[in-house]
Amino acid sequence: LRSCLYDLGNQKYVLTCVFHHIASDGWSSGILVNEFMELYSALQSGSATAIATVLPELTLQYSDYTIWQRKYLEGAVLESQLTYWEAKLQGVATLALPTDYARPSVQSTAGSNVSFALNKEISESINAL
């Protein structure tokens, strides 16, 4: 999740959030937005207890799912899966797809950003829209 809060002046702000598709889907992002709005409303009300109680307690955590999956994928189930895929992929060569530029031998997860300022005319047009 990457986020940025834009100060538009006159106590107006825009919060933007960007998710990588592997970290979120449409269903999950809807939940996140709703929970964020609930927490923001509770914060605006000024009640510290409201913030702590506004969201329901989760019955499951992602770690619960990973533990279940790890327990499921062991022994006979794991061996069956490995045997199946080893047989399916036997003799298959590495797939070389065309790319738009040469990739380095060691991939990096380093990202980058681009910053720019909108001129006053465009900014006012966006605000009017």
C-alpha atoms as a PDB file:
ATOM      1  CA  LEU A   1       0.000   0.000   0.000  1.00  0.00           C
ATOM      2  CA  ARG A   2       1.298   3.395  -0.954  1.00  0.00           C
ATOM      3  CA  SER A   3      -0.559   6.477   0.070  1.00  0.00           C
ATOM      4  CA  CYS A   4      -0.208  10.214  -0.261  1.00  0.00           C
ATOM      5  CA  LEU A   5      -2.199  13.015   1.330  1.00  0.00           C
ATOM      6  CA  TYR A   6      -2.570  16.076  -0.864  1.00  0.00           C
ATOM      7  CA  ASP A   7      -3.213  19.418   0.831  1.00  0.00           C
ATOM      8  CA  LEU A   8      -5.488  21.433  -1.447  1.00  0.00           C
ATOM      9  CA  GLY A   9      -5.630  24.390   0.919  1.00  0.00           C
ATOM     10  CA  ASN A  10      -8.645  25.793   2.797  1.00  0.00           C
ATOM     11  CA  GLN A  11      -8.792  22.659   4.978  1.00  0.00           C
ATOM     12  CA  LYS A  12      -9.365  20.431   1.923  1.00  0.00           C
ATOM     13  CA  TYR A  13      -7.362  17.262   1.383  1.00  0.00           C
ATOM     14  CA  VAL A  14      -7.275  14.291  -0.960  1.00  0.00           C
ATOM     15  CA  LEU A  15      -5.955  10.927   0.225  1.00  0.00           C
ATOM     16  CA  THR A  16      -4.816   8.570  -2.523  1.00  0.00           C
ATOM     17  CA  CYS A  17      -3.921   4.925  -2.027  1.00  0.00           C
ATOM     18  CA  VAL A  18      -2.369   2.522  -4.503  1.00  0.00           C
ATOM     19  CA  PHE A  19      -2.365  -1.235  -3.996  1.00  0.00           C
ATOM     20  CA  HIS A  20      -0.377  -3.821  -5.878  1.00  0.00           C
ATOM     21  CA  HIS A  21      -2.835  -6.265  -7.442  1.00  0.00           C
ATOM     22  CA  ILE A  22      -1.266  -9.162  -5.561  1.00  0.00           C
ATOM     23  CA  ALA A  23      -1.968  -7.478  -2.209  1.00  0.00           C
ATOM     24  CA  SER A  24      -5.601  -6.567  -2.704  1.00  0.00           C
ATOM     25  CA  ASP A  25      -8.640  -7.277  -4.819  1.00  0.00           C
ATOM     26  CA  GLY A  26     -11.861  -5.382  -5.464  1.00  0.00           C
ATOM     27  CA  TRP A  27     -13.695  -7.055  -2.591  1.00  0.00           C
ATOM     28  CA  SER A  28     -10.879  -6.412  -0.092  1.00  0.00           C
ATOM     29  CA  SER A  29     -10.344  -2.805  -1.133  1.00  0.00           C
ATOM     30  CA  GLY A  30     -14.043  -2.116  -0.551  1.00  0.00           C
ATOM     31  CA  ILE A  31     -13.704  -3.429   3.004  1.00  0.00           C
ATOM     32  CA  LEU A  32     -10.599  -1.312   3.571  1.00  0.00           C
ATOM     33  CA  VAL A  33     -12.312   1.843   2.334  1.00  0.00           C
ATOM     34  CA  ASN A  34     -15.395   1.205   4.503  1.00  0.00           C
ATOM     35  CA  GLU A  35     -13.290   0.526   7.598  1.00  0.00           C
ATOM     36  CA  PHE A  36     -11.149   3.589   6.948  1.00  0.00           C
ATOM     37  CA  MET A  37     -14.289   5.734   6.683  1.00  0.00           C
ATOM     38  CA  GLU A  38     -15.643   4.282   9.942  1.00  0.00           C
ATOM     39  CA  LEU A  39     -12.370   4.958  11.753  1.00  0.00           C
ATOM     40  CA  TYR A  40     -12.148   8.465  10.325  1.00  0.00           C
ATOM     41  CA  SER A  41     -15.711   9.220  11.473  1.00  0.00           C
ATOM     42  CA  ALA A  42     -14.911   7.926  14.953  1.00  0.00           C
ATOM     43  CA  LEU A  43     -11.770  10.063  15.045  1.00  0.00           C
ATOM     44  CA  GLN A  44     -13.757  13.121  13.944  1.00  0.00           C
ATOM     45  CA  SER A  45     -16.204  12.553  16.803  1.00  0.00           C
ATOM     46  CA  GLY A  46     -13.281  12.914  19.213  1.00  0.00           C
ATOM     47  CA  SER A  47     -14.109   9.800  21.181  1.00  0.00           C
ATOM     48  CA  ALA A  48     -11.103   7.593  21.924  1.00  0.00           C
ATOM     49  CA  THR A  49     -13.385   4.734  23.013  1.00  0.00           C
ATOM     50  CA  ALA A  50     -15.354   4.997  19.759  1.00  0.00           C
ATOM     51  CA  ILE A  51     -12.161   4.466  17.780  1.00  0.00           C
ATOM     52  CA  ALA A  52     -11.336   1.298  19.718  1.00  0.00           C
ATOM     53  CA  THR A  53     -14.808  -0.212  19.322  1.00  0.00           C
ATOM     54  CA  VAL A  54     -15.915   0.954  15.883  1.00  0.00           C
ATOM     55  CA  LEU A  55     -14.673  -2.123  13.991  1.00  0.00           C
ATOM     56  CA  PRO A  56     -15.762  -5.679  14.793  1.00  0.00           C
ATOM     57  CA  GLU A  57     -13.258  -8.115  16.267  1.00  0.00           C
ATOM     58  CA  LEU A  58     -11.981 -10.455  13.574  1.00  0.00           C
ATOM     59  CA  THR A  59     -12.563 -14.148  14.179  1.00  0.00           C
ATOM     60  CA  LEU A  60      -9.759 -15.161  11.822  1.00  0.00           C
ATOM     61  CA  GLN A  61      -6.437 -13.624  10.945  1.00  0.00           C
ATOM     62  CA  TYR A  62      -4.382 -14.282   7.825  1.00  0.00           C
ATOM     63  CA  SER A  63      -1.904 -16.182   9.994  1.00  0.00           C
ATOM     64  CA  ASP A  64      -4.719 -18.617  10.900  1.00  0.00           C
ATOM     65  CA  TYR A  65      -5.238 -19.340   7.216  1.00  0.00           C
ATOM     66  CA  THR A  66      -1.520 -19.865   6.597  1.00  0.00           C
ATOM     67  CA  ILE A  67      -1.286 -22.307   9.506  1.00  0.00           C
ATOM     68  CA  TRP A  68      -4.288 -24.244   8.169  1.00  0.00           C
ATOM     69  CA  GLN A  69      -2.808 -24.299   4.663  1.00  0.00           C
ATOM     70  CA  ARG A  70       0.614 -25.445   5.915  1.00  0.00           C
ATOM     71  CA  LYS A  71      -0.964 -28.261   7.952  1.00  0.00           C
ATOM     72  CA  TYR A  72      -3.081 -29.300   4.952  1.00  0.00           C
ATOM     73  CA  LEU A  73      -0.114 -29.302   2.570  1.00  0.00           C
ATOM     74  CA  GLU A  74       2.018 -31.916   4.245  1.00  0.00           C
ATOM     75  CA  GLY A  75       2.370 -35.653   4.104  1.00  0.00           C
ATOM     76  CA  ALA A  76       0.273 -37.433   1.471  1.00  0.00           C
ATOM     77  CA  VAL A  77      -1.389 -34.268   0.117  1.00  0.00           C
ATOM     78  CA  LEU A  78       1.956 -32.549  -0.433  1.00  0.00           C
ATOM     79  CA  GLU A  79       3.476 -35.666  -2.013  1.00  0.00           C
ATOM     80  CA  SER A  80       0.471 -36.022  -4.326  1.00  0.00           C
ATOM     81  CA  GLN A  81       0.748 -32.386  -5.431  1.00  0.00           C
ATOM     82  CA  LEU A  82       4.511 -32.619  -6.007  1.00  0.00           C
ATOM     83  CA  THR A  83       4.209 -35.880  -7.941  1.00  0.00           C
ATOM     84  CA  TYR A  84       1.461 -34.462 -10.149  1.00  0.00           C
ATOM     85  CA  TRP A  85       3.382 -31.292 -11.060  1.00  0.00           C
ATOM     86  CA  GLU A  86       6.704 -33.068 -11.494  1.00  0.00           C
ATOM     87  CA  ALA A  87       5.034 -35.399 -14.011  1.00  0.00           C
ATOM     88  CA  LYS A  88       3.261 -32.546 -15.819  1.00  0.00           C
ATOM     89  CA  LEU A  89       6.398 -30.423 -16.067  1.00  0.00           C
ATOM     90  CA  GLN A  90       8.875 -33.167 -16.926  1.00  0.00           C
ATOM     91  CA  GLY A  91      10.822 -32.246 -20.052  1.00  0.00           C
ATOM     92  CA  VAL A  92       9.340 -28.746 -20.244  1.00  0.00           C
ATOM     93  CA  ALA A  93      11.922 -26.104 -21.115  1.00  0.00           C
ATOM     94  CA  THR A  94      12.054 -22.725 -19.422  1.00  0.00           C
ATOM     95  CA  LEU A  95       9.642 -20.398 -21.149  1.00  0.00           C
ATOM     96  CA  ALA A  96      11.340 -17.377 -22.722  1.00  0.00           C
ATOM     97  CA  LEU A  97       8.790 -14.674 -23.465  1.00  0.00           C
ATOM     98  CA  PRO A  98       9.690 -11.536 -25.404  1.00  0.00           C
ATOM     99  CA  THR A  99      10.113  -8.521 -23.173  1.00  0.00           C
ATOM    100  CA  ASP A 100      10.110  -4.792 -23.774  1.00  0.00           C
ATOM    101  CA  TYR A 101      13.687  -4.426 -22.466  1.00  0.00           C
ATOM    102  CA  ALA A 102      16.521  -6.645 -21.241  1.00  0.00           C
ATOM    103  CA  ARG A 103      15.950  -7.805 -17.684  1.00  0.00           C
ATOM    104  CA  PRO A 104      18.826  -7.915 -15.194  1.00  0.00           C
ATOM    105  CA  SER A 105      19.976 -11.329 -14.027  1.00  0.00           C
ATOM    106  CA  VAL A 106      19.152 -10.333 -10.451  1.00  0.00           C
ATOM    107  CA  GLN A 107      15.734  -8.713 -10.075  1.00  0.00           C
ATOM    108  CA  SER A 108      15.248  -5.774  -7.759  1.00  0.00           C
ATOM    109  CA  THR A 109      12.142  -4.685  -5.914  1.00  0.00           C
ATOM    110  CA  ALA A 110      13.315  -1.074  -5.787  1.00  0.00           C
ATOM    111  CA  GLY A 111      10.652   1.241  -7.128  1.00  0.00           C
ATOM    112  CA  SER A 112      10.669   4.835  -8.163  1.00  0.00           C
ATOM    113  CA  ASN A 113       8.352   7.798  -8.191  1.00  0.00           C
ATOM    114  CA  VAL A 114       7.614  10.765 -10.364  1.00  0.00           C
ATOM    115  CA  SER A 115       6.618  14.072  -8.824  1.00  0.00           C
ATOM    116  CA  PHE A 116       5.159  17.084 -10.552  1.00  0.00           C
ATOM    117  CA  ALA A 117       3.029  20.088  -9.742  1.00  0.00           C
ATOM    118  CA  LEU A 118      -0.130  21.041 -11.575  1.00  0.00           C
ATOM    119  CA  ASN A 119      -0.367  24.629 -12.655  1.00  0.00           C
ATOM    120  CA  LYS A 120      -3.064  26.789 -11.065  1.00  0.00           C
ATOM    121  CA  GLU A 121      -5.393  26.642 -14.071  1.00  0.00           C
ATOM    122  CA  ILE A 122      -5.445  22.818 -14.220  1.00  0.00           C
ATOM    123  CA  SER A 123      -5.746  22.574 -10.451  1.00  0.00           C
ATOM    124  CA  GLU A 124      -8.755  24.920 -10.418  1.00  0.00           C
ATOM    125  CA  SER A 125     -10.339  22.989 -13.293  1.00  0.00           C
ATOM    126  CA  ILE A 126      -9.975  19.732 -11.372  1.00  0.00           C
ATOM    127  CA  ASN A 127     -11.439  21.315  -8.246  1.00  0.00           C
ATOM    128  CA  ALA A 128     -14.378  22.640 -10.270  1.00  0.00           C
ATOM    129  CA  LEU A 129     -14.957  19.195 -11.771  1.00  0.00           C
END
